[in-house]
Amino acid sequence: MNKIISVCLVSTLLILFFSCSSPEKPVSNADAYKIIFLHHSTGNVIWKGKPQGWDVVGNIFSKVYSVPSWFEQHNLQNGKNYFIEEMEFPKKSPYGWNNYPYDYYNIWVKNAGLNPYQEEPTLEMLTPDYDMVIFKHCFPVSLIEPDIGVADLNSDKKRIENYKAQYIALKSKMMEFPETKFLVWTPAALVEGKTNPGQAGYAREFVDWVRNDWDENGDNIFLWDLYELETEGTLYLKPGNARGQWDSHPDRKFAGEIAPLFCQRIVDVVEKNGNNTYLTGKKRK
């Protein structure tokens, strides 16, 4: 009897182990509005938000994360068919773990076409499969150096003049795909201990340019203002919003609070061209 119980217990544990290590990837249906979210670590923190518990229906080891869970509920309550998935972009290898203005320009503009660049999909590859493309930068984007007076489109140096040139090129490229909507996160901020007033001021200057000059009405490009949510009007990621004094990732509580704003901004951009929410995703009164 004990032998039978032991065999059953081992079998159960093996089933649970493999269900944990090999979860099924969600599949959209043909009529879904398809959204792809390209991100690294900061994006992953907000994607997960504050986990709501365990999904015991499909996979006992799958946590219910904030963004996909929000869309599941929104679809059920509103009769919608939004399908959102995530992708690490670019991957650590072979391209490298860099997702700054130069890298999007390098992959999507400089090396545009129907073939991947260092295994990364171009916009020519993404746009036929997705109705909306969302992308962001990790917080080292805010480690900005002083300008030298000459913008270099092909430079990976973190300078405002280079960022602006690359963003202008990216805008022209994205507008080649008018049937696709693009949602761009404003750059993530740094905690005070990981930057200095000069760099923080440059970061704020670039964000202001993105919000006030680069972002225009009437095109297919929209913003979600992560920077404003993180800094609350200051130059730094607020301590209460950060994982730690020296860690510029959002903490789980803050991520759980702003993940619904991200989702609401997506829906508003899809349905109302962003007119019903502020750039942060908060609803207009």
C-alpha atoms as a PDB file:
ATOM      1  CA  MET A   1       0.000   0.000   0.000  1.00  0.00           C
ATOM      2  CA  ASN A   2       2.799   2.374   0.922  1.00  0.00           C
ATOM      3  CA  LYS A   3       4.518   1.522  -2.375  1.00  0.00           C
ATOM      4  CA  ILE A   4       1.379   2.452  -4.332  1.00  0.00           C
ATOM      5  CA  ILE A   5       1.071   5.748  -2.451  1.00  0.00           C
ATOM      6  CA  SER A   6       4.733   6.544  -3.123  1.00  0.00           C
ATOM      7  CA  VAL A   7       4.359   5.847  -6.854  1.00  0.00           C
ATOM      8  CA  CYS A   8       1.260   8.064  -7.032  1.00  0.00           C
ATOM      9  CA  LEU A   9       3.033  10.847  -5.151  1.00  0.00           C
ATOM     10  CA  VAL A  10       6.071  10.724  -7.439  1.00  0.00           C
ATOM     11  CA  SER A  11       3.842  10.699 -10.526  1.00  0.00           C
ATOM     12  CA  THR A  12       1.933  13.725  -9.273  1.00  0.00           C
ATOM     13  CA  LEU A  13       5.132  15.627  -8.560  1.00  0.00           C
ATOM     14  CA  LEU A  14       6.474  14.845 -12.038  1.00  0.00           C
ATOM     15  CA  ILE A  15       3.259  16.110 -13.635  1.00  0.00           C
ATOM     16  CA  LEU A  16       3.446  19.315 -11.618  1.00  0.00           C
ATOM     17  CA  PHE A  17       7.126  19.774 -12.411  1.00  0.00           C
ATOM     18  CA  PHE A  18       6.655  19.487 -16.151  1.00  0.00           C
ATOM     19  CA  SER A  19       3.587  21.708 -16.110  1.00  0.00           C
ATOM     20  CA  CYS A  20       5.690  24.301 -14.307  1.00  0.00           C
ATOM     21  CA  SER A  21       8.718  24.078 -16.565  1.00  0.00           C
ATOM     22  CA  SER A  22       6.835  23.905 -19.867  1.00  0.00           C
ATOM     23  CA  PRO A  23       3.755  26.147 -19.691  1.00  0.00           C
ATOM     24  CA  GLU A  24       1.688  26.418 -22.834  1.00  0.00           C
ATOM     25  CA  LYS A  25       1.967  29.704 -24.668  1.00  0.00           C
ATOM     26  CA  PRO A  26      -1.392  31.486 -25.103  1.00  0.00           C
ATOM     27  CA  VAL A  27      -2.745  31.368 -28.615  1.00  0.00           C
ATOM     28  CA  SER A  28      -4.847  34.096 -30.221  1.00  0.00           C
ATOM     29  CA  ASN A  29      -7.748  33.456 -32.545  1.00  0.00           C
ATOM     30  CA  ALA A  30      -8.031  34.864 -36.041  1.00  0.00           C
ATOM     31  CA  ASP A  31     -10.295  37.761 -35.036  1.00  0.00           C
ATOM     32  CA  ALA A  32      -8.207  39.012 -32.100  1.00  0.00           C
ATOM     33  CA  TYR A  33      -6.660  42.473 -31.983  1.00  0.00           C
ATOM     34  CA  LYS A  34      -3.030  41.426 -31.524  1.00  0.00           C
ATOM     35  CA  ILE A  35      -0.578  43.383 -29.401  1.00  0.00           C
ATOM     36  CA  ILE A  36       3.122  42.686 -28.873  1.00  0.00           C
ATOM     37  CA  PHE A  37       5.028  44.191 -25.931  1.00  0.00           C
ATOM     38  CA  LEU A  38       8.804  44.321 -26.443  1.00  0.00           C
ATOM     39  CA  HIS A  39      10.715  44.709 -23.205  1.00  0.00           C
ATOM     40  CA  HIS A  40      13.473  43.753 -20.800  1.00  0.00           C
ATOM     41  CA  SER A  41      13.539  43.763 -16.995  1.00  0.00           C
ATOM     42  CA  THR A  42      11.585  46.931 -16.142  1.00  0.00           C
ATOM     43  CA  GLY A  43       8.886  45.940 -18.591  1.00  0.00           C
ATOM     44  CA  ASN A  44       8.818  42.454 -17.109  1.00  0.00           C
ATOM     45  CA  VAL A  45       8.271  43.876 -13.613  1.00  0.00           C
ATOM     46  CA  ILE A  46       5.236  45.848 -14.797  1.00  0.00           C
ATOM     47  CA  TRP A  47       3.948  42.982 -16.957  1.00  0.00           C
ATOM     48  CA  LYS A  48       3.871  40.828 -13.833  1.00  0.00           C
ATOM     49  CA  GLY A  49       2.745  43.652 -11.551  1.00  0.00           C
ATOM     50  CA  LYS A  50       1.612  42.268  -8.244  1.00  0.00           C
ATOM     51  CA  PRO A  51       0.684  38.614  -8.904  1.00  0.00           C
ATOM     52  CA  GLN A  52      -2.910  37.859  -7.959  1.00  0.00           C
ATOM     53  CA  GLY A  53      -2.338  34.233  -7.014  1.00  0.00           C
ATOM     54  CA  TRP A  54      -2.159  30.939  -8.830  1.00  0.00           C
ATOM     55  CA  ASP A  55      -3.853  29.777 -12.007  1.00  0.00           C
ATOM     56  CA  VAL A  56      -5.137  26.364 -10.897  1.00  0.00           C
ATOM     57  CA  VAL A  57      -7.233  25.847 -14.025  1.00  0.00           C
ATOM     58  CA  GLY A  58      -4.570  25.536 -16.702  1.00  0.00           C
ATOM     59  CA  ASN A  59      -1.314  25.286 -14.817  1.00  0.00           C
ATOM     60  CA  ILE A  60      -1.021  25.045 -11.070  1.00  0.00           C
ATOM     61  CA  PHE A  61       2.379  26.719 -11.119  1.00  0.00           C
ATOM     62  CA  SER A  62       1.419  29.675 -13.316  1.00  0.00           C
ATOM     63  CA  LYS A  63       1.097  32.996 -11.515  1.00  0.00           C
ATOM     64  CA  VAL A  64      -1.675  35.287 -12.671  1.00  0.00           C
ATOM     65  CA  TYR A  65       0.209  38.401 -13.790  1.00  0.00           C
ATOM     66  CA  SER A  66      -1.254  41.873 -13.875  1.00  0.00           C
ATOM     67  CA  VAL A  67      -1.223  42.810 -17.571  1.00  0.00           C
ATOM     68  CA  PRO A  68      -2.489  39.568 -19.175  1.00  0.00           C
ATOM     69  CA  SER A  69      -4.981  39.134 -16.320  1.00  0.00           C
ATOM     70  CA  TRP A  70      -6.296  42.684 -16.815  1.00  0.00           C
ATOM     71  CA  PHE A  71      -6.945  42.007 -20.495  1.00  0.00           C
ATOM     72  CA  GLU A  72      -8.658  38.697 -19.775  1.00  0.00           C
ATOM     73  CA  GLN A  73     -11.058  40.463 -17.430  1.00  0.00           C
ATOM     74  CA  HIS A  74     -11.529  43.407 -19.791  1.00  0.00           C
ATOM     75  CA  ASN A  75     -12.380  41.071 -22.667  1.00  0.00           C
ATOM     76  CA  LEU A  76     -14.908  39.162 -20.573  1.00  0.00           C
ATOM     77  CA  GLN A  77     -16.593  42.264 -19.161  1.00  0.00           C
ATOM     78  CA  ASN A  78     -16.685  44.284 -22.385  1.00  0.00           C
ATOM     79  CA  GLY A  79     -17.046  41.678 -25.100  1.00  0.00           C
ATOM     80  CA  LYS A  80     -13.623  42.518 -26.544  1.00  0.00           C
ATOM     81  CA  ASN A  81     -11.001  40.320 -28.135  1.00  0.00           C
ATOM     82  CA  TYR A  82      -7.632  41.848 -27.303  1.00  0.00           C
ATOM     83  CA  PHE A  83      -4.668  39.486 -27.292  1.00  0.00           C
ATOM     84  CA  ILE A  84      -1.404  40.718 -25.764  1.00  0.00           C
ATOM     85  CA  GLU A  85       1.867  38.874 -25.555  1.00  0.00           C
ATOM     86  CA  GLU A  86       5.410  39.756 -24.536  1.00  0.00           C
ATOM     87  CA  MET A  87       8.820  39.328 -26.131  1.00  0.00           C
ATOM     88  CA  GLU A  88      12.349  40.008 -24.912  1.00  0.00           C
ATOM     89  CA  PHE A  89      13.772  42.487 -27.405  1.00  0.00           C
ATOM     90  CA  PRO A  90      16.576  42.445 -28.237  1.00  0.00           C
ATOM     91  CA  LYS A  91      17.707  39.138 -26.753  1.00  0.00           C
ATOM     92  CA  LYS A  92      20.977  38.828 -24.846  1.00  0.00           C
ATOM     93  CA  SER A  93      22.431  36.871 -27.742  1.00  0.00           C
ATOM     94  CA  PRO A  94      23.420  37.391 -30.459  1.00  0.00           C
ATOM     95  CA  TYR A  95      22.470  41.089 -30.575  1.00  0.00           C
ATOM     96  CA  GLY A  96      23.058  41.999 -26.936  1.00  0.00           C
ATOM     97  CA  TRP A  97      20.983  43.232 -24.011  1.00  0.00           C
ATOM     98  CA  ASN A  98      20.557  46.806 -25.270  1.00  0.00           C
ATOM     99  CA  ASN A  99      17.228  48.468 -26.024  1.00  0.00           C
ATOM    100  CA  TYR A 100      18.126  52.137 -26.304  1.00  0.00           C
ATOM    101  CA  PRO A 101      17.235  54.583 -29.108  1.00  0.00           C
ATOM    102  CA  TYR A 102      20.293  53.541 -31.118  1.00  0.00           C
ATOM    103  CA  ASP A 103      19.327  49.865 -30.960  1.00  0.00           C
ATOM    104  CA  TYR A 104      15.771  50.332 -32.233  1.00  0.00           C
ATOM    105  CA  TYR A 105      17.147  52.568 -34.965  1.00  0.00           C
ATOM    106  CA  ASN A 106      19.857  50.015 -35.779  1.00  0.00           C
ATOM    107  CA  ILE A 107      17.472  47.056 -36.055  1.00  0.00           C
ATOM    108  CA  TRP A 108      14.387  48.741 -37.501  1.00  0.00           C
ATOM    109  CA  VAL A 109      15.747  51.555 -39.669  1.00  0.00           C
ATOM    110  CA  LYS A 110      19.361  50.920 -40.580  1.00  0.00           C
ATOM    111  CA  ASN A 111      18.801  47.188 -41.062  1.00  0.00           C
ATOM    112  CA  ALA A 112      15.151  47.224 -42.118  1.00  0.00           C
ATOM    113  CA  GLY A 113      13.752  44.541 -44.356  1.00  0.00           C
ATOM    114  CA  LEU A 114      12.007  41.207 -44.518  1.00  0.00           C
ATOM    115  CA  ASN A 115      14.849  39.323 -42.842  1.00  0.00           C
ATOM    116  CA  PRO A 116      15.766  39.465 -39.147  1.00  0.00           C
ATOM    117  CA  TYR A 117      18.806  41.418 -38.047  1.00  0.00           C
ATOM    118  CA  GLN A 118      20.955  39.307 -35.723  1.00  0.00           C
ATOM    119  CA  GLU A 119      17.878  37.165 -35.086  1.00  0.00           C
ATOM    120  CA  GLU A 120      15.737  40.172 -34.119  1.00  0.00           C
ATOM    121  CA  PRO A 121      12.502  40.892 -36.024  1.00  0.00           C
ATOM    122  CA  THR A 122      12.289  44.056 -38.077  1.00  0.00           C
ATOM    123  CA  LEU A 123       9.135  46.130 -38.378  1.00  0.00           C
ATOM    124  CA  GLU A 124       8.535  44.562 -41.769  1.00  0.00           C
ATOM    125  CA  MET A 125       8.285  41.254 -39.900  1.00  0.00           C
ATOM    126  CA  LEU A 126       6.327  42.435 -36.848  1.00  0.00           C
ATOM    127  CA  THR A 127       3.649  44.592 -38.432  1.00  0.00           C
ATOM    128  CA  PRO A 128       1.944  41.856 -40.508  1.00  0.00           C
ATOM    129  CA  ASP A 129       1.390  39.854 -37.295  1.00  0.00           C
ATOM    130  CA  TYR A 130       0.461  42.578 -34.813  1.00  0.00           C
ATOM    131  CA  ASP A 131      -2.005  45.457 -34.789  1.00  0.00           C
ATOM    132  CA  MET A 132      -0.061  47.264 -32.077  1.00  0.00           C
ATOM    133  CA  VAL A 133       3.658  47.260 -31.263  1.00  0.00           C
ATOM    134  CA  ILE A 134       4.756  48.512 -27.827  1.00  0.00           C
ATOM    135  CA  PHE A 135       8.396  49.181 -26.978  1.00  0.00           C
ATOM    136  CA  LYS A 136      10.449  50.747 -24.228  1.00  0.00           C
ATOM    137  CA  HIS A 137      13.953  51.453 -22.932  1.00  0.00           C
ATOM    138  CA  CYS A 138      15.580  50.191 -19.738  1.00  0.00           C
ATOM    139  CA  PHE A 139      16.603  52.759 -17.135  1.00  0.00           C
ATOM    140  CA  PRO A 140      20.281  53.109 -18.246  1.00  0.00           C
ATOM    141  CA  VAL A 141      18.804  55.139 -21.117  1.00  0.00           C
ATOM    142  CA  SER A 142      18.761  58.003 -18.596  1.00  0.00           C
ATOM    143  CA  LEU A 143      22.566  57.928 -18.097  1.00  0.00           C
ATOM    144  CA  ILE A 144      22.912  60.722 -20.630  1.00  0.00           C
ATOM    145  CA  GLU A 145      26.206  62.473 -21.438  1.00  0.00           C
ATOM    146  CA  PRO A 146      26.538  66.134 -22.485  1.00  0.00           C
ATOM    147  CA  ASP A 147      26.011  66.951 -26.156  1.00  0.00           C
ATOM    148  CA  ILE A 148      29.053  67.735 -28.287  1.00  0.00           C
ATOM    149  CA  GLY A 149      27.188  69.859 -30.839  1.00  0.00           C
ATOM    150  CA  VAL A 150      27.014  67.288 -33.646  1.00  0.00           C
ATOM    151  CA  ALA A 151      24.336  64.583 -33.747  1.00  0.00           C
ATOM    152  CA  ASP A 152      25.483  61.159 -34.933  1.00  0.00           C
ATOM    153  CA  LEU A 153      22.608  58.968 -36.091  1.00  0.00           C
ATOM    154  CA  ASN A 154      24.835  55.878 -36.057  1.00  0.00           C
ATOM    155  CA  SER A 155      26.304  56.389 -32.593  1.00  0.00           C
ATOM    156  CA  ASP A 156      25.356  54.407 -29.500  1.00  0.00           C
ATOM    157  CA  LYS A 157      26.610  57.223 -27.269  1.00  0.00           C
ATOM    158  CA  LYS A 158      23.853  58.306 -24.885  1.00  0.00           C
ATOM    159  CA  ARG A 159      23.492  61.963 -25.831  1.00  0.00           C
ATOM    160  CA  ILE A 160      20.303  63.959 -26.367  1.00  0.00           C
ATOM    161  CA  GLU A 161      21.391  65.028 -29.847  1.00  0.00           C
ATOM    162  CA  ASN A 162      21.867  61.389 -30.874  1.00  0.00           C
ATOM    163  CA  TYR A 163      18.619  60.297 -29.236  1.00  0.00           C
ATOM    164  CA  LYS A 164      16.686  62.977 -31.086  1.00  0.00           C
ATOM    165  CA  ALA A 165      18.156  62.014 -34.462  1.00  0.00           C
ATOM    166  CA  GLN A 166      17.366  58.350 -33.827  1.00  0.00           C
ATOM    167  CA  TYR A 167      13.824  59.098 -32.646  1.00  0.00           C
ATOM    168  CA  ILE A 168      13.144  61.218 -35.729  1.00  0.00           C
ATOM    169  CA  ALA A 169      14.328  58.354 -37.935  1.00  0.00           C
ATOM    170  CA  LEU A 170      12.206  55.885 -35.956  1.00  0.00           C
ATOM    171  CA  LYS A 171       9.132  58.063 -36.335  1.00  0.00           C
ATOM    172  CA  SER A 172       9.539  58.179 -40.104  1.00  0.00           C
ATOM    173  CA  LYS A 173       9.923  54.413 -40.154  1.00  0.00           C
ATOM    174  CA  MET A 174       6.881  53.721 -37.979  1.00  0.00           C
ATOM    175  CA  MET A 175       4.750  55.976 -40.131  1.00  0.00           C
ATOM    176  CA  GLU A 176       5.461  53.658 -43.066  1.00  0.00           C
ATOM    177  CA  PHE A 177       3.034  51.250 -41.349  1.00  0.00           C
ATOM    178  CA  PRO A 178      -0.143  53.354 -40.910  1.00  0.00           C
ATOM    179  CA  GLU A 179      -2.316  50.306 -40.172  1.00  0.00           C
ATOM    180  CA  THR A 180      -0.203  49.511 -37.098  1.00  0.00           C
ATOM    181  CA  LYS A 181      -0.348  51.548 -33.915  1.00  0.00           C
ATOM    182  CA  PHE A 182       2.817  52.060 -31.902  1.00  0.00           C
ATOM    183  CA  LEU A 183       2.897  52.762 -28.164  1.00  0.00           C
ATOM    184  CA  VAL A 184       6.227  54.039 -26.854  1.00  0.00           C
ATOM    185  CA  TRP A 185       7.085  54.279 -23.163  1.00  0.00           C
ATOM    186  CA  THR A 186       8.807  57.441 -22.039  1.00  0.00           C
ATOM    187  CA  PRO A 187      12.280  56.551 -20.718  1.00  0.00           C
ATOM    188  CA  ALA A 188      12.507  54.915 -17.313  1.00  0.00           C
ATOM    189  CA  ALA A 189      14.041  57.035 -14.553  1.00  0.00           C
ATOM    190  CA  LEU A 190      16.896  56.260 -12.170  1.00  0.00           C
ATOM    191  CA  VAL A 191      16.984  56.405  -8.397  1.00  0.00           C
ATOM    192  CA  GLU A 192      18.987  59.356  -7.095  1.00  0.00           C
ATOM    193  CA  GLY A 193      21.841  57.157  -5.882  1.00  0.00           C
ATOM    194  CA  LYS A 194      22.495  55.808  -9.382  1.00  0.00           C
ATOM    195  CA  THR A 195      22.766  59.112 -11.261  1.00  0.00           C
ATOM    196  CA  ASN A 196      23.666  62.756 -10.689  1.00  0.00           C
ATOM    197  CA  PRO A 197      21.802  66.055 -11.127  1.00  0.00           C
ATOM    198  CA  GLY A 198      23.352  66.670 -14.542  1.00  0.00           C
ATOM    199  CA  GLN A 199      22.380  63.327 -16.004  1.00  0.00           C
ATOM    200  CA  ALA A 200      18.954  63.483 -14.382  1.00  0.00           C
ATOM    201  CA  GLY A 201      18.419  66.922 -15.896  1.00  0.00           C
ATOM    202  CA  TYR A 202      19.383  65.675 -19.348  1.00  0.00           C
ATOM    203  CA  ALA A 203      16.969  62.769 -18.958  1.00  0.00           C
ATOM    204  CA  ARG A 204      14.160  65.146 -18.055  1.00  0.00           C
ATOM    205  CA  GLU A 205      15.043  67.365 -21.021  1.00  0.00           C
ATOM    206  CA  PHE A 206      14.816  64.433 -23.423  1.00  0.00           C
ATOM    207  CA  VAL A 207      11.509  63.244 -21.951  1.00  0.00           C
ATOM    208  CA  ASP A 208      10.085  66.751 -22.309  1.00  0.00           C
ATOM    209  CA  TRP A 209      11.162  66.809 -25.964  1.00  0.00           C
ATOM    210  CA  VAL A 210       9.546  63.428 -26.590  1.00  0.00           C
ATOM    211  CA  ARG A 211       6.282  64.537 -24.975  1.00  0.00           C
ATOM    212  CA  ASN A 212       6.073  68.060 -26.350  1.00  0.00           C
ATOM    213  CA  ASP A 213       7.780  67.936 -29.746  1.00  0.00           C
ATOM    214  CA  TRP A 214       8.289  64.400 -31.026  1.00  0.00           C
ATOM    215  CA  ASP A 215       4.799  63.185 -30.092  1.00  0.00           C
ATOM    216  CA  GLU A 216       2.264  64.685 -32.493  1.00  0.00           C
ATOM    217  CA  ASN A 217      -1.468  64.370 -32.970  1.00  0.00           C
ATOM    218  CA  GLY A 218      -2.904  62.584 -35.956  1.00  0.00           C
ATOM    219  CA  ASP A 219      -0.276  59.901 -36.531  1.00  0.00           C
ATOM    220  CA  ASN A 220      -0.070  56.234 -35.501  1.00  0.00           C
ATOM    221  CA  ILE A 221       2.435  56.779 -32.677  1.00  0.00           C
ATOM    222  CA  PHE A 222       1.418  57.238 -29.024  1.00  0.00           C
ATOM    223  CA  LEU A 223       3.065  57.491 -25.598  1.00  0.00           C
ATOM    224  CA  TRP A 224       2.650  55.928 -22.197  1.00  0.00           C
ATOM    225  CA  ASP A 225       4.337  58.204 -19.661  1.00  0.00           C
ATOM    226  CA  LEU A 226       6.174  55.832 -17.319  1.00  0.00           C
ATOM    227  CA  TYR A 227       8.657  58.587 -16.467  1.00  0.00           C
ATOM    228  CA  GLU A 228       5.969  60.808 -14.948  1.00  0.00           C
ATOM    229  CA  LEU A 229       4.506  57.954 -12.923  1.00  0.00           C
ATOM    230  CA  GLU A 230       7.927  56.977 -11.594  1.00  0.00           C
ATOM    231  CA  THR A 231       9.229  60.464 -10.770  1.00  0.00           C
ATOM    232  CA  GLU A 232       5.983  62.205  -9.753  1.00  0.00           C
ATOM    233  CA  GLY A 233       7.337  65.479 -11.103  1.00  0.00           C
ATOM    234  CA  THR A 234      10.872  65.139  -9.687  1.00  0.00           C
ATOM    235  CA  LEU A 235      14.133  64.288 -11.444  1.00  0.00           C
ATOM    236  CA  TYR A 236      14.450  60.815  -9.957  1.00  0.00           C
ATOM    237  CA  LEU A 237      12.601  57.548  -9.499  1.00  0.00           C
ATOM    238  CA  LYS A 238      10.879  58.206  -6.176  1.00  0.00           C
ATOM    239  CA  PRO A 239      12.191  56.022  -3.317  1.00  0.00           C
ATOM    240  CA  GLY A 240       8.707  54.707  -2.575  1.00  0.00           C
ATOM    241  CA  ASN A 241       8.367  53.530  -6.178  1.00  0.00           C
ATOM    242  CA  ALA A 242      11.767  51.827  -6.424  1.00  0.00           C
ATOM    243  CA  ARG A 243      12.901  48.355  -5.483  1.00  0.00           C
ATOM    244  CA  GLY A 244      15.671  49.820  -3.356  1.00  0.00           C
ATOM    245  CA  GLN A 245      17.936  52.767  -2.698  1.00  0.00           C
ATOM    246  CA  TRP A 246      20.397  51.529  -5.334  1.00  0.00           C
ATOM    247  CA  ASP A 247      17.977  49.621  -7.553  1.00  0.00           C
ATOM    248  CA  SER A 248      16.093  51.511 -10.284  1.00  0.00           C
ATOM    249  CA  HIS A 249      13.596  48.750 -10.987  1.00  0.00           C
ATOM    250  CA  PRO A 250      10.019  49.526  -9.897  1.00  0.00           C
ATOM    251  CA  ASP A 251       9.010  47.647  -6.780  1.00  0.00           C
ATOM    252  CA  ARG A 252       6.164  45.128  -6.927  1.00  0.00           C
ATOM    253  CA  LYS A 253       3.617  47.292  -5.137  1.00  0.00           C
ATOM    254  CA  PHE A 254       4.198  50.238  -7.469  1.00  0.00           C
ATOM    255  CA  ALA A 255       4.216  47.947 -10.510  1.00  0.00           C
ATOM    256  CA  GLY A 256       0.888  46.516  -9.417  1.00  0.00           C
ATOM    257  CA  GLU A 257      -0.541  50.033  -9.136  1.00  0.00           C
ATOM    258  CA  ILE A 258       0.570  51.260 -12.561  1.00  0.00           C
ATOM    259  CA  ALA A 259       0.067  48.070 -14.612  1.00  0.00           C
ATOM    260  CA  PRO A 260      -3.685  48.824 -14.951  1.00  0.00           C
ATOM    261  CA  LEU A 261      -2.809  52.347 -16.147  1.00  0.00           C
ATOM    262  CA  PHE A 262      -0.618  50.827 -18.839  1.00  0.00           C
ATOM    263  CA  CYS A 263      -3.468  48.540 -19.873  1.00  0.00           C
ATOM    264  CA  GLN A 264      -5.990  51.365 -19.860  1.00  0.00           C
ATOM    265  CA  ARG A 265      -3.712  53.466 -22.039  1.00  0.00           C
ATOM    266  CA  ILE A 266      -3.433  50.608 -24.549  1.00  0.00           C
ATOM    267  CA  VAL A 267      -7.194  50.226 -24.806  1.00  0.00           C
ATOM    268  CA  ASP A 268      -7.733  53.967 -25.116  1.00  0.00           C
ATOM    269  CA  VAL A 269      -5.159  54.204 -27.905  1.00  0.00           C
ATOM    270  CA  VAL A 270      -6.819  51.316 -29.743  1.00  0.00           C
ATOM    271  CA  GLU A 271     -10.364  52.604 -29.355  1.00  0.00           C
ATOM    272  CA  LYS A 272     -10.099  56.389 -29.045  1.00  0.00           C
ATOM    273  CA  ASN A 273      -6.605  57.270 -30.301  1.00  0.00           C
ATOM    274  CA  GLY A 274      -5.639  58.048 -26.715  1.00  0.00           C
ATOM    275  CA  ASN A 275      -8.200  60.824 -26.273  1.00  0.00           C
ATOM    276  CA  ASN A 276      -9.852  59.455 -23.128  1.00  0.00           C
ATOM    277  CA  THR A 277      -6.701  59.118 -21.012  1.00  0.00           C
ATOM    278  CA  TYR A 278      -3.715  61.230 -20.124  1.00  0.00           C
ATOM    279  CA  LEU A 279      -0.278  59.998 -21.232  1.00  0.00           C
ATOM    280  CA  THR A 280      -0.008  58.184 -17.891  1.00  0.00           C
ATOM    281  CA  GLY A 281      -3.140  56.166 -18.609  1.00  0.00           C
ATOM    282  CA  LYS A 282      -5.213  57.966 -15.998  1.00  0.00           C
ATOM    283  CA  LYS A 283      -8.725  58.681 -17.254  1.00  0.00           C
ATOM    284  CA  ARG A 284      -9.617  62.214 -18.197  1.00  0.00           C
ATOM    285  CA  LYS A 285     -12.418  63.728 -16.179  1.00  0.00           C
END
